Amino acid sequence: MSASKLICSCYDAGHPWTTSCADSAVGVGAIAFKQSLRIYTSVYLLSYVARGKKPVPADIKKLLRGILQSSAFLGFNGFGFIGSFCAVRYFSGGFTKFNAGFLPAFIGSFLAILIERPSRRGQLALYVTNVASESVWRMLVARGIVKSVRHGEVLVFMLTLAALVPWYRRCTSSRDSVYSLSRFIIGGSERFSAPIYPDHGNRRCTKHALCKHKNSCIYYMLEGFVKKFIAGYGIHAGFRFILSFANLLRNPRLITKIVSNMDNVKFGLFVGGISGIVRSVLCNLRWITGKDRPEHGVIAGFLGGLPMLFYKSTTLASYLMWKTIEVVYREGIQAGKLPAIPGFIEFLYSFSTAMLFHMAVFEPHNLKPSYWKFLVNLTDLRFAQMNRQVLDLILPKASSSVPFWPKYEADHVSQELRSMFGLNPHFSMTS
């Protein structure tokens, strides 16, 4: 049985590492800010180096400002959650399923996102929405509300590409990352606005009159697969190299293990397969129908998603799905077909983060493991030190994966907690 409202102090349930609400909020905020400095320094520096720009004072100043602003945003998110957690309990008189997780997280996240640069808010909203959708699905499966679908991530990816490829083909240009990614994998020749390369009567160049690529269709298909396979292999191996750099300095022989890892091959087959299949389907449909129609992109995209069988990733499939929805929605706004909702990005970030924090409080066992690890590291274990055995009284099994019982200061534990758990003066659990 669960209680609709839990009467106890926030020291009992929320921040047992300190008796002060103010100290807990400021402390978590400071820890999160410190950890964020490490995270964002690496992210911003890698991003700057990847652009290949020569360092100039103006860029360095902008870089430092970006690191500090993003760190302040994430630090305030931690401060805002704990601060709102305590404030909501004070004004409501106790804890419920709604006000012990979702509500304080929404308030803290909404205030925090206003600190971040507007240009980054969309990326952050998309990221947390992606993680939240994965976590909610895990929660629904655990509750038996839905069933896990075999190869479900592959189907989601196929349907997403079925929408994305036609969009890319009719798009003339875009600064969006998904456009650049589509151009990299599929190639520029499949856009309707691309020029047609004449074959000049070359018999070796067997391609349809509507094909815009330079060489024969067979060469074009194979080129897409081979080049993107090599690129995918190199990207995956390079990423593993960066993550293992510290270990490589201690043991250089690990480079052989990194290069020969089969995941590199699988990722290469995944990227190369998309390119090869999309190009092959589009070329063959031009030969079969004698036309180059927009709906051909739907078929090519759907079949082009099959290579995810080589490299299954729920995160990748979900992220691309939400990114495609964002692109289509933005295009609809520009065309005047969909309304622009003021503050929607900020609301989406706050709502999705609140969902994640609610799950982190009440059911961390259903939260995406990598995000739970992120929260624990960001707060220096504080998130794992909430007394979820108390919260079990609101939502059973809250402590199933984190059965932490803190060492309380006897003078500050509420009488309600003593009564509920039958605690003796030394606060050992009694039978």
Protein backbone atom coordinates (compact mmCIF):
# COMPACT_ATOMS: atom_id res chain seq x y z
CA MET A 1 0.00 0.00 0.00
CA SER A 2 1.21 3.49 -0.80
CA ALA A 3 0.30 6.77 0.88
CA SER A 4 -1.13 9.65 -1.14
CA LYS A 5 0.86 12.12 0.97
CA LEU A 6 3.98 11.56 3.03
CA ILE A 7 4.44 13.80 6.07
CA CYS A 8 8.12 14.12 6.96
CA SER A 9 10.95 16.62 6.64
CA CYS A 10 13.04 17.11 3.51
CA TYR A 11 16.05 16.16 5.64
CA ASP A 12 14.40 12.78 6.23
CA ALA A 13 13.88 11.98 2.56
CA GLY A 14 15.68 14.42 0.28
CA HIS A 15 19.03 15.63 1.63
CA PRO A 16 20.12 13.47 4.58
CA TRP A 17 23.76 14.50 4.06
CA THR A 18 23.01 17.89 5.63
CA THR A 19 20.28 19.22 7.92
CA SER A 20 20.12 22.60 6.17
CA CYS A 21 17.94 23.08 3.10
CA ALA A 22 19.98 26.08 2.00
CA ASP A 23 23.29 24.24 2.41
CA SER A 24 21.98 21.25 0.45
CA ALA A 25 20.79 23.39 -2.47
CA VAL A 26 23.94 25.54 -2.61
CA GLY A 27 26.17 22.51 -2.10
CA VAL A 28 24.61 20.48 -4.93
CA GLY A 29 24.66 23.54 -7.18
CA ALA A 30 28.37 24.13 -6.47
CA ILE A 31 29.24 20.47 -7.05
CA ALA A 32 27.26 20.39 -10.30
CA PHE A 33 28.93 23.61 -11.47
CA LYS A 34 32.39 22.18 -10.75
CA GLN A 35 31.63 18.93 -12.59
CA SER A 36 30.06 20.88 -15.45
CA LEU A 37 33.25 22.90 -15.91
CA ARG A 38 35.09 19.65 -16.63
CA ILE A 39 32.41 18.41 -19.01
CA TYR A 40 31.91 21.60 -20.98
CA THR A 41 35.61 22.46 -21.15
CA SER A 42 36.20 19.17 -22.97
CA VAL A 43 33.10 19.53 -25.18
CA TYR A 44 33.78 23.13 -26.21
CA LEU A 45 37.50 22.54 -26.80
CA LEU A 46 36.91 19.45 -28.95
CA SER A 47 34.25 21.31 -30.92
CA TYR A 48 36.59 24.25 -31.48
CA VAL A 49 39.51 22.05 -32.54
CA ALA A 50 37.25 20.08 -34.91
CA ARG A 51 36.40 23.31 -36.77
CA GLY A 52 40.09 23.74 -37.55
CA LYS A 53 40.09 27.47 -36.85
CA LYS A 54 43.21 29.39 -35.86
CA PRO A 55 42.88 30.63 -32.25
CA VAL A 56 42.28 34.36 -31.96
CA PRO A 57 41.58 36.39 -28.79
CA ALA A 58 37.94 37.02 -29.71
CA ASP A 59 37.27 33.30 -30.23
CA ILE A 60 39.02 32.34 -27.00
CA LYS A 61 36.95 34.91 -25.06
CA LYS A 62 33.77 33.55 -26.65
CA LEU A 63 34.86 30.00 -25.84
CA LEU A 64 35.46 30.80 -22.17
CA ARG A 65 32.15 32.65 -21.91
CA GLY A 66 30.36 29.66 -23.43
CA ILE A 67 31.99 27.22 -20.99
CA LEU A 68 31.10 29.37 -17.97
CA GLN A 69 27.54 30.02 -19.16
CA SER A 70 26.80 26.35 -19.88
CA SER A 71 28.37 25.31 -16.56
CA ALA A 72 26.28 27.91 -14.72
CA PHE A 73 23.16 26.54 -16.43
CA LEU A 74 23.83 22.95 -15.36
CA GLY A 75 24.95 24.01 -11.89
CA PHE A 76 21.77 26.02 -11.39
CA ASN A 77 19.73 23.04 -12.56
CA GLY A 78 21.09 21.09 -9.59
CA PHE A 79 20.60 24.01 -7.21
CA GLY A 80 17.09 24.69 -8.53
CA PHE A 81 15.94 21.11 -8.11
CA ILE A 82 16.99 20.75 -4.47
CA GLY A 83 15.86 24.27 -3.63
CA SER A 84 12.45 23.69 -5.22
CA PHE A 85 12.23 20.25 -3.58
CA CYS A 86 12.50 21.85 -0.15
CA ALA A 87 10.31 24.87 -0.97
CA VAL A 88 7.50 22.75 -2.39
CA ARG A 89 7.51 20.48 0.68
CA TYR A 90 7.42 23.52 2.96
CA PHE A 91 4.38 25.08 1.27
CA SER A 92 2.49 21.82 0.66
CA GLY A 93 3.21 20.28 4.05
CA GLY A 94 4.48 16.96 2.71
CA PHE A 95 5.49 14.85 -0.26
CA THR A 96 3.37 13.32 -3.04
CA LYS A 97 4.22 11.47 -6.24
CA PHE A 98 3.95 14.79 -8.08
CA ASN A 99 5.71 17.28 -5.82
CA ALA A 100 8.66 15.12 -4.72
CA GLY A 101 10.07 14.67 -8.21
CA PHE A 102 8.37 16.15 -11.24
CA LEU A 103 7.28 19.57 -9.90
CA PRO A 104 10.57 20.71 -8.30
CA ALA A 105 12.50 19.38 -11.29
CA PHE A 106 10.27 21.31 -13.70
CA ILE A 107 10.68 24.55 -11.73
CA GLY A 108 14.45 24.16 -11.41
CA SER A 109 14.92 23.16 -15.05
CA PHE A 110 12.79 26.02 -16.39
CA LEU A 111 14.78 28.59 -14.43
CA ALA A 112 18.07 26.93 -15.42
CA ILE A 113 17.44 26.80 -19.18
CA LEU A 114 16.91 30.58 -19.17
CA ILE A 115 20.58 30.92 -18.19
CA GLU A 116 21.81 28.96 -21.22
CA ARG A 117 22.34 30.62 -24.59
CA PRO A 118 19.16 30.53 -26.76
CA SER A 119 21.15 28.92 -29.60
CA ARG A 120 21.88 25.86 -27.42
CA ARG A 121 18.45 25.43 -25.86
CA GLY A 122 17.07 23.48 -28.81
CA GLN A 123 19.96 20.98 -28.69
CA LEU A 124 19.51 20.48 -24.96
CA ALA A 125 15.74 20.05 -25.29
CA LEU A 126 16.23 17.48 -28.04
CA TYR A 127 18.80 15.57 -25.98
CA VAL A 128 16.71 15.28 -22.80
CA THR A 129 13.55 14.50 -24.80
CA ASN A 130 15.41 11.66 -26.46
CA VAL A 131 16.63 10.25 -23.13
CA ALA A 132 13.21 10.76 -21.55
CA SER A 133 11.42 8.90 -24.35
CA GLU A 134 13.79 5.94 -23.94
CA SER A 135 13.34 5.94 -20.17
CA VAL A 136 9.56 6.21 -20.34
CA TRP A 137 9.50 3.26 -22.74
CA ARG A 138 11.58 1.24 -20.27
CA MET A 139 9.13 2.21 -17.52
CA LEU A 140 6.10 1.17 -19.59
CA VAL A 141 7.71 -2.18 -20.43
CA ALA A 142 8.55 -2.76 -16.75
CA ARG A 143 4.93 -2.05 -15.81
CA GLY A 144 3.65 -4.46 -18.44
CA ILE A 145 1.71 -1.69 -20.20
CA VAL A 146 3.55 -2.31 -23.48
CA LYS A 147 5.67 -5.16 -24.74
CA SER A 148 9.23 -4.87 -25.97
CA VAL A 149 9.28 -5.14 -29.75
CA ARG A 150 12.03 -7.23 -31.30
CA HIS A 151 14.17 -5.07 -33.59
CA GLY A 152 11.96 -2.13 -32.58
CA GLU A 153 14.84 0.33 -32.84
CA VAL A 154 15.47 -0.84 -36.41
CA LEU A 155 11.81 -0.23 -37.35
CA VAL A 156 11.89 3.24 -35.78
CA PHE A 157 15.07 4.03 -37.71
CA MET A 158 13.57 2.78 -40.99
CA LEU A 159 10.43 4.88 -40.55
CA THR A 160 12.53 7.92 -39.63
CA LEU A 161 14.68 7.61 -42.75
CA ALA A 162 11.51 7.16 -44.81
CA ALA A 163 10.60 10.71 -43.74
CA LEU A 164 14.12 12.14 -43.70
CA VAL A 165 15.32 11.13 -47.18
CA PRO A 166 12.43 12.84 -49.05
CA TRP A 167 12.99 15.97 -46.95
CA TYR A 168 16.68 15.99 -47.80
CA ARG A 169 16.04 15.49 -51.51
CA ARG A 170 13.79 18.52 -51.79
CA CYS A 171 15.92 20.68 -49.48
CA THR A 172 18.13 23.15 -51.33
CA SER A 173 20.38 24.04 -48.40
CA SER A 174 20.29 24.10 -44.63
CA ARG A 175 22.59 24.83 -41.72
CA ASP A 176 20.97 22.03 -39.71
CA SER A 177 23.23 19.17 -38.68
CA VAL A 178 20.80 16.56 -39.99
CA TYR A 179 21.08 18.09 -43.49
CA SER A 180 24.88 17.93 -43.33
CA LEU A 181 24.72 14.33 -42.09
CA SER A 182 22.31 13.35 -44.89
CA ARG A 183 24.53 14.98 -47.50
CA PHE A 184 27.58 13.18 -46.11
CA ILE A 185 25.94 9.73 -46.17
CA ILE A 186 23.66 9.94 -49.22
CA GLY A 187 25.58 12.45 -51.31
CA GLY A 188 24.64 15.70 -53.01
CA SER A 189 23.56 14.13 -56.31
CA GLU A 190 20.20 12.95 -54.95
CA ARG A 191 18.89 16.43 -54.26
CA PHE A 192 16.35 17.61 -56.83
CA SER A 193 18.25 20.90 -57.12
CA ALA A 194 21.55 19.18 -58.00
CA PRO A 195 22.89 19.58 -61.56
CA ILE A 196 22.97 16.58 -63.95
CA TYR A 197 26.39 15.37 -65.04
CA PRO A 198 26.28 14.56 -68.78
CA ASP A 199 27.81 11.23 -69.85
CA HIS A 200 29.08 12.69 -73.18
CA GLY A 201 28.13 9.49 -74.96
CA ASN A 202 30.52 7.38 -72.86
CA ARG A 203 29.30 3.78 -73.18
CA ARG A 204 31.04 2.80 -69.98
CA CYS A 205 28.93 5.32 -68.11
CA THR A 206 25.67 3.34 -67.93
CA LYS A 207 23.32 5.56 -66.04
CA HIS A 208 19.76 6.72 -66.45
CA ALA A 209 19.14 10.06 -68.10
CA LEU A 210 17.59 11.35 -64.86
CA CYS A 211 20.52 10.25 -62.69
CA LYS A 212 22.57 13.26 -61.62
CA HIS A 213 25.68 11.45 -60.46
CA LYS A 214 28.87 11.59 -62.51
CA ASN A 215 29.68 7.91 -63.08
CA SER A 216 27.66 4.79 -63.87
CA CYS A 217 24.91 3.67 -61.52
CA ILE A 218 26.82 0.55 -60.45
CA TYR A 219 29.93 2.59 -59.68
CA TYR A 220 27.78 5.14 -57.85
CA MET A 221 26.19 2.48 -55.64
CA LEU A 222 29.48 0.75 -54.82
CA GLU A 223 31.23 4.05 -54.23
CA GLY A 224 28.60 5.02 -51.67
CA PHE A 225 28.99 1.77 -49.78
CA VAL A 226 32.81 1.50 -49.85
CA LYS A 227 33.61 5.14 -49.03
CA LYS A 228 31.08 5.37 -46.23
CA PHE A 229 32.13 1.99 -44.84
CA ILE A 230 35.70 3.28 -44.57
CA ALA A 231 34.47 6.57 -43.06
CA GLY A 232 32.24 4.78 -40.55
CA TYR A 233 35.02 2.40 -39.55
CA GLY A 234 37.44 5.31 -39.08
CA ILE A 235 34.96 7.44 -37.10
CA HIS A 236 34.15 4.61 -34.69
CA ALA A 237 37.79 3.61 -34.24
CA GLY A 238 38.79 7.26 -33.77
CA PHE A 239 36.13 7.77 -31.13
CA ARG A 240 37.32 4.71 -29.22
CA PHE A 241 40.87 6.00 -29.54
CA ILE A 242 39.91 9.31 -27.92
CA LEU A 243 38.06 7.58 -25.08
CA SER A 244 41.00 5.24 -24.45
CA PHE A 245 43.73 7.85 -24.85
CA ALA A 246 44.79 7.80 -21.19
CA ASN A 247 45.05 4.00 -21.22
CA LEU A 248 46.98 4.10 -24.49
CA LEU A 249 49.63 6.28 -22.92
CA ARG A 250 50.19 3.60 -20.28
CA ASN A 251 49.86 0.66 -22.67
CA PRO A 252 50.42 1.52 -26.38
CA ARG A 253 49.67 -2.08 -27.39
CA LEU A 254 45.99 -1.38 -26.83
CA ILE A 255 45.96 0.37 -30.24
CA THR A 256 45.81 -3.06 -31.92
CA LYS A 257 42.74 -4.01 -29.88
CA ILE A 258 41.04 -0.72 -30.76
CA VAL A 259 41.72 -0.99 -34.49
CA SER A 260 40.63 -4.65 -34.71
CA ASN A 261 37.44 -4.22 -32.66
CA MET A 262 34.45 -5.70 -34.52
CA ASP A 263 32.24 -2.80 -33.50
CA ASN A 264 34.24 -0.66 -35.92
CA VAL A 265 33.32 -3.04 -38.75
CA LYS A 266 29.67 -3.13 -37.69
CA PHE A 267 29.46 0.67 -37.62
CA GLY A 268 31.14 0.80 -41.03
CA LEU A 269 28.57 -1.66 -42.43
CA PHE A 270 25.82 0.44 -40.86
CA VAL A 271 26.93 3.75 -42.41
CA GLY A 272 28.06 2.22 -45.71
CA GLY A 273 24.90 0.13 -45.95
CA ILE A 274 22.65 3.18 -45.65
CA SER A 275 24.49 4.98 -48.43
CA GLY A 276 24.66 1.97 -50.73
CA ILE A 277 21.01 0.96 -50.30
CA VAL A 278 19.55 4.47 -50.64
CA ARG A 279 21.56 5.12 -53.79
CA SER A 280 20.75 1.68 -55.21
CA VAL A 281 17.01 1.98 -54.62
CA LEU A 282 16.79 5.49 -56.10
CA CYS A 283 18.78 4.52 -59.20
CA ASN A 284 16.75 1.35 -59.76
CA LEU A 285 13.44 3.18 -59.35
CA ARG A 286 14.54 5.69 -62.00
CA TRP A 287 15.34 2.82 -64.35
CA ILE A 288 12.06 1.00 -63.58
CA THR A 289 9.63 3.94 -63.68
CA GLY A 290 11.46 6.32 -66.00
CA LYS A 291 10.78 9.07 -63.45
CA ASP A 292 12.45 10.63 -60.43
CA ARG A 293 9.56 11.12 -58.05
CA PRO A 294 9.56 12.46 -54.45
CA GLU A 295 7.93 9.28 -53.10
CA HIS A 296 10.93 7.27 -54.28
CA GLY A 297 12.76 8.79 -51.34
CA VAL A 298 10.25 7.22 -48.94
CA ILE A 299 11.00 3.72 -50.26
CA ALA A 300 14.76 4.33 -50.41
CA GLY A 301 14.81 5.73 -46.87
CA PHE A 302 12.74 2.89 -45.42
CA LEU A 303 14.93 0.18 -46.96
CA GLY A 304 18.04 2.24 -46.20
CA GLY A 305 17.32 1.82 -42.49
CA LEU A 306 17.86 -1.96 -42.62
CA PRO A 307 21.64 -1.72 -41.98
CA MET A 308 20.86 -0.78 -38.38
CA LEU A 309 20.63 -4.56 -37.93
CA PHE A 310 24.44 -4.45 -37.98
CA TYR A 311 24.67 -1.74 -35.34
CA LYS A 312 21.55 -1.59 -33.19
CA SER A 313 21.19 1.57 -31.15
CA THR A 314 18.00 2.67 -29.49
CA THR A 315 19.63 6.00 -28.63
CA LEU A 316 20.61 6.71 -32.23
CA ALA A 317 17.23 5.68 -33.64
CA SER A 318 15.35 7.73 -31.06
CA TYR A 319 17.57 10.79 -31.46
CA LEU A 320 17.22 10.83 -35.26
CA MET A 321 13.45 10.40 -34.90
CA TRP A 322 13.16 13.46 -32.64
CA LYS A 323 15.59 15.42 -34.81
CA THR A 324 13.49 14.67 -37.89
CA ILE A 325 10.33 15.75 -36.07
CA GLU A 326 12.10 19.00 -35.11
CA VAL A 327 13.18 19.64 -38.72
CA VAL A 328 9.71 18.94 -40.12
CA TYR A 329 8.07 21.11 -37.45
CA ARG A 330 10.45 24.01 -38.11
CA GLU A 331 9.85 23.70 -41.85
CA GLY A 332 6.11 23.74 -41.22
CA ILE A 333 6.47 26.97 -39.24
CA GLN A 334 8.50 28.59 -42.03
CA ALA A 335 5.86 27.55 -44.57
CA GLY A 336 3.09 28.98 -42.39
CA LYS A 337 1.42 25.58 -41.99
CA LEU A 338 2.21 25.11 -38.30
CA PRO A 339 2.04 27.64 -35.44
CA ALA A 340 5.16 28.92 -33.71
CA ILE A 341 4.61 28.43 -29.97
CA PRO A 342 6.54 30.96 -27.83
CA GLY A 343 8.61 29.29 -25.12
CA PHE A 344 8.00 25.80 -26.48
CA ILE A 345 11.71 24.85 -26.44
CA GLU A 346 12.07 25.93 -22.83
CA PHE A 347 8.88 24.07 -21.88
CA LEU A 348 10.00 20.91 -23.69
CA TYR A 349 13.37 20.95 -21.93
CA SER A 350 11.76 21.52 -18.54
CA PHE A 351 9.09 18.85 -19.03
CA SER A 352 11.50 16.19 -20.32
CA THR A 353 14.06 16.90 -17.59
CA ALA A 354 11.29 16.79 -14.98
CA MET A 355 10.27 13.36 -16.28
CA LEU A 356 13.86 12.16 -15.96
CA PHE A 357 14.31 13.57 -12.46
CA HIS A 358 10.98 12.11 -11.37
CA MET A 359 12.18 8.68 -12.49
CA ALA A 360 15.58 9.28 -10.86
CA VAL A 361 13.81 9.95 -7.54
CA PHE A 362 11.15 7.23 -7.62
CA GLU A 363 12.36 4.56 -10.03
CA PRO A 364 16.03 4.84 -10.95
CA HIS A 365 15.89 1.16 -11.97
CA ASN A 366 13.85 2.21 -15.03
CA LEU A 367 15.95 5.26 -15.89
CA LYS A 368 18.38 4.93 -18.76
CA PRO A 369 21.56 3.63 -17.02
CA SER A 370 23.93 6.12 -18.65
CA TYR A 371 21.74 9.05 -17.53
CA TRP A 372 21.50 7.73 -13.97
CA LYS A 373 25.29 7.47 -13.91
CA PHE A 374 25.51 11.03 -15.24
CA LEU A 375 23.25 12.38 -12.47
CA VAL A 376 25.15 10.50 -9.76
CA ASN A 377 28.53 11.76 -11.02
CA LEU A 378 27.24 15.30 -11.59
CA THR A 379 26.07 15.55 -7.97
CA ASP A 380 28.98 13.61 -6.45
CA LEU A 381 26.70 10.77 -5.31
CA ARG A 382 24.11 13.12 -3.76
CA PHE A 383 21.34 11.86 -6.03
CA ALA A 384 21.98 8.31 -4.86
CA GLN A 385 21.94 9.40 -1.20
CA MET A 386 18.27 10.33 -1.04
CA ASN A 387 16.40 8.03 1.33
CA ARG A 388 14.25 6.14 -1.14
CA GLN A 389 13.16 3.71 1.59
CA VAL A 390 11.09 6.62 2.89
CA LEU A 391 9.81 7.34 -0.62
CA ASP A 392 8.72 3.70 -0.90
CA LEU A 393 5.72 4.80 1.15
CA ILE A 394 4.63 7.01 -1.76
CA LEU A 395 5.64 4.77 -4.65
CA PRO A 396 6.61 1.18 -3.81
CA LYS A 397 9.95 -0.13 -5.14
CA ALA A 398 11.49 3.35 -5.22
CA SER A 399 14.46 1.94 -3.30
CA SER A 400 14.64 -1.40 -5.13
CA SER A 401 17.87 -0.53 -6.94
CA VAL A 402 19.19 2.09 -4.46
CA PRO A 403 18.41 0.77 -0.93
CA PHE A 404 20.47 3.47 0.76
CA TRP A 405 19.80 4.27 4.44
CA PRO A 406 21.68 7.37 5.63
CA LYS A 407 23.32 8.06 8.98
CA TYR A 408 21.04 10.69 10.46
CA GLU A 409 21.73 13.25 13.15
CA ALA A 410 19.38 12.15 15.93
CA ASP A 411 18.27 15.64 16.92
CA HIS A 412 17.05 16.51 13.42
CA VAL A 413 15.03 13.45 12.42
CA SER A 414 11.29 14.12 12.42
CA GLN A 415 8.91 12.33 14.76
CA GLU A 416 7.01 11.12 11.70
CA LEU A 417 10.06 9.20 10.44
CA ARG A 418 10.58 7.65 13.88
CA SER A 419 6.97 6.49 13.96
CA MET A 420 6.88 5.18 10.40
CA PHE A 421 10.00 3.06 10.65
CA GLY A 422 10.05 2.26 14.36
CA LEU A 423 13.44 3.91 14.85
CA ASN A 424 15.09 3.71 18.26
CA PRO A 425 17.10 6.65 19.63
CA HIS A 426 20.23 5.38 17.87
CA PHE A 427 18.37 5.02 14.57
CA SER A 428 18.90 1.37 13.82
CA MET A 429 16.02 -0.37 12.07
CA THR A 430 13.93 -2.38 14.53
CA SER A 431 12.07 -5.52 13.59
